[in-house]
Protein backbone atom coordinates (compact mmCIF):
# COMPACT_ATOMS: atom_id res chain seq x y z
CA UNK A 1 82.98 -66.66 36.17
CA UNK A 2 86.04 -66.63 33.90
CA UNK A 3 88.20 -69.68 33.21
CA UNK A 4 91.05 -68.71 35.54
CA UNK A 5 88.65 -68.19 38.44
CA UNK A 6 87.14 -71.60 37.79
CA UNK A 7 90.61 -73.17 37.71
CA UNK A 8 91.52 -71.57 41.03
CA UNK A 9 88.22 -72.61 42.61
CA UNK A 10 88.48 -76.25 41.50
CA UNK A 11 92.15 -76.42 42.52
CA UNK A 12 91.27 -75.08 45.96
CA UNK A 13 88.48 -77.65 46.33
CA UNK A 14 91.13 -80.36 45.85
CA UNK A 15 93.42 -78.85 48.45
CA UNK A 16 95.83 -77.14 46.07
CA UNK A 17 97.22 -73.63 45.99
CA UNK A 18 97.70 -72.34 42.46
CA UNK A 19 99.83 -69.80 40.66
CA UNK A 20 99.42 -68.86 37.00
CA UNK A 21 102.35 -68.25 34.66
CA UNK A 22 102.69 -64.75 33.25
CA UNK A 23 101.52 -65.86 29.80
CA UNK A 24 98.61 -67.94 31.16
CA UNK A 25 99.88 -71.09 29.46
CA UNK A 26 100.35 -73.04 32.70
CA UNK A 27 99.31 -73.20 36.31
CA UNK A 28 101.56 -74.48 39.11
CA UNK A 29 99.80 -76.41 41.86
CA UNK A 30 101.21 -76.95 45.31
CA UNK A 31 99.62 -78.96 48.08
CA UNK A 32 99.09 -82.76 48.23
CA UNK A 33 101.66 -82.90 45.41
CA UNK A 34 103.41 -80.27 43.32
CA UNK A 35 102.71 -80.28 39.62
CA UNK A 36 102.31 -78.07 36.57
CA UNK A 37 99.00 -77.95 34.71
CA UNK A 38 99.24 -77.05 31.01
CA UNK A 39 96.43 -74.70 29.99
CA UNK A 40 96.92 -73.94 26.28
CA UNK A 41 94.84 -76.89 25.13
CA UNK A 42 92.20 -76.31 27.80
CA UNK A 43 91.81 -72.68 26.73
CA UNK A 44 91.39 -73.74 23.10
CA UNK A 45 88.82 -76.36 24.05
CA UNK A 46 86.94 -73.87 26.24
CA UNK A 47 86.81 -71.40 23.34
CA UNK A 48 84.95 -74.04 21.32
CA UNK A 49 82.42 -74.85 24.04
CA UNK A 50 79.54 -73.06 25.73
CA UNK A 51 80.39 -71.38 29.04
CA UNK A 52 78.07 -73.74 30.91
CA UNK A 53 80.45 -76.56 29.90
CA UNK A 54 83.47 -74.88 31.48
CA UNK A 55 83.06 -76.25 35.03
CA UNK A 56 83.02 -79.80 33.65
CA UNK A 57 86.01 -79.12 31.37
CA UNK A 58 88.06 -77.62 34.19
CA UNK A 59 87.17 -80.35 36.67
CA UNK A 60 88.00 -83.15 34.21
CA UNK A 61 91.24 -81.49 33.10
CA UNK A 62 92.55 -81.05 36.64
CA UNK A 63 91.49 -84.55 37.65
CA UNK A 64 93.23 -86.00 34.58
CA UNK A 65 96.39 -83.97 35.20
CA UNK A 66 96.59 -85.29 38.76
CA UNK A 67 95.90 -88.87 37.60
CA UNK A 68 98.73 -88.88 35.02
CA UNK A 69 101.22 -86.89 37.10
CA UNK A 70 103.43 -89.97 37.43
CA UNK A 71 103.85 -90.48 33.69
CA UNK A 72 107.47 -90.11 32.54
CA UNK A 73 106.63 -87.74 29.66
CA UNK A 74 104.53 -84.61 29.26
CA UNK A 75 101.65 -85.46 26.92
CA UNK A 76 101.24 -81.79 26.08
CA UNK A 77 104.73 -81.74 24.56
CA UNK A 78 104.48 -83.21 21.05
CA UNK A 79 108.23 -83.50 20.67
CA UNK A 80 108.35 -85.85 23.67
CA UNK A 81 105.40 -88.08 22.83
CA UNK A 82 105.49 -88.03 19.02
CA UNK A 83 107.09 -91.52 18.62
CA UNK A 84 104.61 -93.01 21.11
CA UNK A 85 101.43 -92.03 19.31
CA UNK A 86 99.31 -94.78 17.79
CA UNK A 87 95.66 -95.31 16.92
CA UNK A 88 93.21 -97.83 18.28
CA UNK A 89 89.82 -98.70 16.85
CA UNK A 90 86.82 -98.78 19.19
CA UNK A 91 83.10 -99.21 18.76
CA UNK A 92 81.51 -95.77 18.71
CA UNK A 93 78.93 -96.84 21.31
CA UNK A 94 81.69 -97.80 23.75
CA UNK A 95 83.08 -94.25 23.74
CA UNK A 96 79.80 -92.37 24.07
CA UNK A 97 80.36 -89.43 26.43
CA UNK A 98 84.15 -89.83 26.59
CA UNK A 99 86.25 -86.89 25.45
CA UNK A 100 89.11 -88.25 23.36
CA UNK A 101 90.86 -87.29 20.12
CA UNK A 102 89.22 -89.48 17.49
CA UNK A 103 87.53 -89.68 14.11
CA UNK A 104 85.04 -92.05 12.52
CA UNK A 105 86.51 -94.95 10.56
CA UNK A 106 82.98 -96.14 9.66
CA UNK A 107 79.50 -95.42 10.97
CA UNK A 108 80.05 -97.69 13.97
CA UNK A 109 83.84 -97.64 14.45
CA UNK A 110 86.03 -94.82 15.75
CA UNK A 111 89.76 -94.37 15.31
CA UNK A 112 91.16 -93.12 18.64
CA UNK A 113 94.50 -91.39 19.14
CA UNK A 114 96.48 -93.14 21.88
CA UNK A 115 99.68 -92.61 23.80
CA UNK A 116 101.61 -95.59 25.11
CA UNK A 117 104.77 -96.46 26.94
CA UNK A 118 105.99 -99.08 29.41
CA UNK A 119 103.16 -101.40 28.37
CA UNK A 120 100.43 -98.87 29.20
CA UNK A 121 98.24 -97.27 26.53
CA UNK A 122 95.65 -94.57 27.03
CA UNK A 123 93.59 -92.22 24.83
CA UNK A 124 94.81 -88.68 24.24
CA UNK A 125 92.42 -86.00 25.49
CA UNK A 126 91.53 -82.92 23.40
CA UNK A 127 93.13 -80.57 25.97
CA UNK A 128 96.44 -82.42 25.55
CA UNK A 129 96.39 -82.45 21.75
CA UNK A 130 95.26 -78.82 21.86
CA UNK A 131 98.73 -77.90 23.12
CA UNK A 132 100.37 -79.26 19.97
CA UNK A 133 101.32 -77.16 16.93
CA UNK A 134 99.38 -79.48 14.58
CA UNK A 135 95.62 -80.16 14.25
CA UNK A 136 94.04 -83.35 15.58
CA UNK A 137 93.62 -84.88 12.12
CA UNK A 138 97.31 -84.48 11.40
CA UNK A 139 98.16 -86.04 14.77
CA UNK A 140 96.04 -89.08 13.89
CA UNK A 141 97.82 -89.39 10.53
CA UNK A 142 101.15 -89.19 12.37
CA UNK A 143 100.05 -92.00 14.67
CA UNK A 144 99.09 -94.13 11.66
CA UNK A 145 102.53 -93.61 10.14
CA UNK A 146 104.12 -94.64 13.43
CA UNK A 147 102.14 -97.89 13.37
CA UNK A 148 103.06 -98.52 9.75
CA UNK A 149 106.77 -97.90 10.32
CA UNK A 150 107.20 -99.66 13.66
CA UNK A 151 104.64 -102.47 13.88
CA UNK A 152 104.74 -104.93 11.01
CA UNK A 153 101.81 -107.36 10.98
CA UNK A 154 102.07 -111.12 10.45
CA UNK A 155 100.16 -112.40 7.41
CA UNK A 156 98.77 -115.91 6.95
CA UNK A 157 96.21 -117.60 4.72
CA UNK A 158 93.16 -119.11 6.40
CA UNK A 159 90.11 -121.06 5.30
CA UNK A 160 86.64 -120.22 6.61
CA UNK A 161 84.51 -123.19 5.56
CA UNK A 162 85.68 -123.03 1.98
CA UNK A 163 86.29 -119.28 1.77
CA UNK A 164 89.93 -118.23 1.55
CA UNK A 165 90.91 -115.18 3.60
CA UNK A 166 94.04 -113.39 4.69
CA UNK A 167 94.56 -113.12 8.44
CA UNK A 168 96.71 -110.18 9.58
CA UNK A 169 97.71 -110.05 13.23
CA UNK A 170 99.90 -107.82 15.35
CA UNK A 171 101.23 -107.72 18.91
CA UNK A 172 99.42 -104.46 19.73
CA UNK A 173 95.93 -103.06 19.42
CA UNK A 174 96.86 -101.04 16.33
CA UNK A 175 96.26 -103.71 13.66
CA UNK A 176 93.31 -101.84 12.16
CA UNK A 177 95.62 -98.89 11.50
CA UNK A 178 97.23 -100.99 8.78
CA UNK A 179 94.03 -101.03 6.74
CA UNK A 180 95.20 -97.75 5.23
CA UNK A 181 98.37 -99.49 4.06
CA UNK A 182 96.90 -102.85 3.12
CA UNK A 183 98.77 -102.80 -0.20
CA UNK A 184 101.98 -103.23 1.81
CA UNK A 185 100.81 -106.75 2.73
CA UNK A 186 98.74 -108.16 -0.13
CA UNK A 187 97.26 -107.28 -3.55
CA UNK A 188 94.15 -105.11 -3.26
CA UNK A 189 91.84 -105.34 -6.29
CA UNK A 190 90.17 -102.27 -7.80
CA UNK A 191 86.85 -103.19 -6.16
CA UNK A 192 88.50 -103.38 -2.75
CA UNK A 193 88.25 -106.05 -0.07
CA UNK A 194 85.92 -107.34 2.57
CA UNK A 195 87.35 -106.75 6.02
CA UNK A 196 86.44 -108.02 9.47
CA UNK A 197 87.88 -106.62 12.70
CA UNK A 198 86.88 -109.20 15.32
CA UNK A 199 89.69 -108.17 17.70
CA UNK A 200 91.80 -105.07 18.17
CA UNK A 201 94.92 -106.87 16.93
CA UNK A 202 93.37 -108.84 14.07
CA UNK A 203 92.24 -108.15 10.51
CA UNK A 204 90.53 -110.69 8.26
CA UNK A 205 90.53 -109.79 4.57
CA UNK A 206 88.89 -111.27 1.46
CA UNK A 207 89.30 -109.69 -2.00
CA UNK A 208 86.19 -108.46 -3.80
CA UNK A 209 86.93 -110.30 -7.02
CA UNK A 210 83.85 -112.28 -8.01
CA UNK A 211 80.32 -113.26 -7.00
CA UNK A 212 81.82 -115.57 -4.36
CA UNK A 213 82.06 -112.42 -2.25
CA UNK A 214 78.44 -113.02 -1.18
CA UNK A 215 79.39 -116.30 0.49
CA UNK A 216 82.47 -114.63 1.95
CA UNK A 217 80.29 -112.05 3.72
CA UNK A 218 78.42 -114.85 5.49
CA UNK A 219 81.56 -116.76 6.49
CA UNK A 220 83.37 -113.64 7.71
CA UNK A 221 80.32 -112.45 9.64
CA UNK A 222 79.85 -115.72 11.50
CA UNK A 223 83.57 -116.10 12.22
CA UNK A 224 83.88 -112.49 13.45
CA UNK A 225 80.89 -113.02 15.75
CA UNK A 226 82.46 -116.08 17.35
CA UNK A 227 85.89 -114.49 17.69
CA UNK A 228 84.62 -111.19 19.06
CA UNK A 229 82.55 -112.98 21.71
CA UNK A 230 85.31 -115.42 22.66
CA UNK A 231 88.04 -112.89 23.49
CA UNK A 232 88.14 -110.07 26.07
CA UNK A 233 89.53 -107.69 23.43
CA UNK A 234 86.70 -108.48 21.02
CA UNK A 235 85.88 -105.58 18.73
CA UNK A 236 83.26 -105.96 16.01
CA UNK A 237 81.24 -108.94 14.71
CA UNK A 238 80.37 -107.08 11.49
CA UNK A 239 81.83 -107.17 7.98
CA UNK A 240 83.07 -104.06 6.17
CA UNK A 241 83.97 -103.02 2.64
CA UNK A 242 87.36 -101.32 2.28
CA UNK A 243 87.90 -99.45 -0.97
CA UNK A 244 89.75 -96.26 -1.92
CA UNK A 245 90.62 -95.43 1.68
CA UNK A 246 87.07 -95.74 2.98
CA UNK A 247 85.56 -98.36 5.31
CA UNK A 248 81.84 -99.03 4.83
CA UNK A 249 79.69 -101.22 7.07
CA UNK A 250 77.90 -104.11 5.35
CA UNK A 251 75.14 -104.64 7.87
CA UNK A 252 74.48 -108.34 8.50
CA UNK A 253 72.28 -109.45 11.40
CA UNK A 254 71.49 -112.86 12.79
CA UNK A 255 67.69 -113.17 12.90
CA UNK A 256 65.77 -115.93 14.70
CA UNK A 257 62.63 -116.97 12.85
CA UNK A 258 60.48 -120.11 13.03
CA UNK A 259 63.01 -121.83 15.26
CA UNK A 260 65.88 -121.15 12.87
CA UNK A 261 68.61 -118.54 12.77
CA UNK A 262 69.47 -116.94 9.48
CA UNK A 263 71.77 -114.15 8.38
CA UNK A 264 70.06 -111.10 6.90
CA UNK A 265 72.47 -108.94 4.89
CA UNK A 266 71.63 -105.30 4.11
CA UNK A 267 74.45 -104.01 1.91
CA UNK A 268 74.83 -100.27 1.43
CA UNK A 269 73.55 -99.04 -1.97
CA UNK A 270 77.01 -98.55 -3.47
CA UNK A 271 78.04 -102.10 -2.58
CA UNK A 272 74.72 -103.50 -3.80
CA UNK A 273 75.33 -101.83 -7.18
CA UNK A 274 78.81 -103.37 -7.26
CA UNK A 275 77.37 -106.83 -6.58
CA UNK A 276 74.89 -106.37 -9.44
CA UNK A 277 77.71 -105.34 -11.75
CA UNK A 278 79.81 -108.34 -10.70
CA UNK A 279 76.88 -110.69 -11.30
CA UNK A 280 76.41 -109.25 -14.80
CA UNK A 281 80.02 -109.74 -15.82
CA UNK A 282 80.66 -112.59 -18.25
CA UNK A 283 82.44 -115.57 -16.71
CA UNK A 284 86.19 -115.67 -17.18
């Protein structure tokens, strides 16, 4: 069965009559409500997928179109929604199976393209972004620039049991987007910074500037754990290394042994080599 036949069949199963535009770029539904279904992005997505995936793609696309029919703007029209695009960071495991426009920020975190207005924010689906004249990666970069230009973070110093950190907070869930422009807020040393993202609107940062960074990993990890568990918008309890535009997980797990809990840190090889080099430097 071809894509148009599937579209007509699924529309009919929902009580709609359908009519395709001459160029096949849209389908007009009439029935329980009248609406226009954009098809350019769906056709592009279908071309990338196996035919056995088409029924699921069509069903999800029509259901989504009906669900967002009351939105004031057409998400398939980049000119309309361009200023409203942002990114939000999610745990990769939380998005398993969801079809959204996204890319990995680290092994366990995903940067999701979102659309928001009137206080509501939702992910952008591939069929919507597939209508735009730019690729998904460029759309994500555009959303990051929007966050940088429109959403300035507040910056404050904080003390985590003797470890000094910078705390960056914002009114929206896009605070992590500002990692890519951290130099706009504070000095970033050549070796980068430690970063924790305990909540969607919060960044905790400590410069990698001496062997004290080992203690900072412990303090940031424990603080991020508490903050992530305490708040409904908790994100990650882990600590990361941000350097040269790349976020790397520094795995640190709380392990119970012999009635005690200790923190076991497993730094990635590149960071372990950096720690060894820092330890070998003569004291200043």
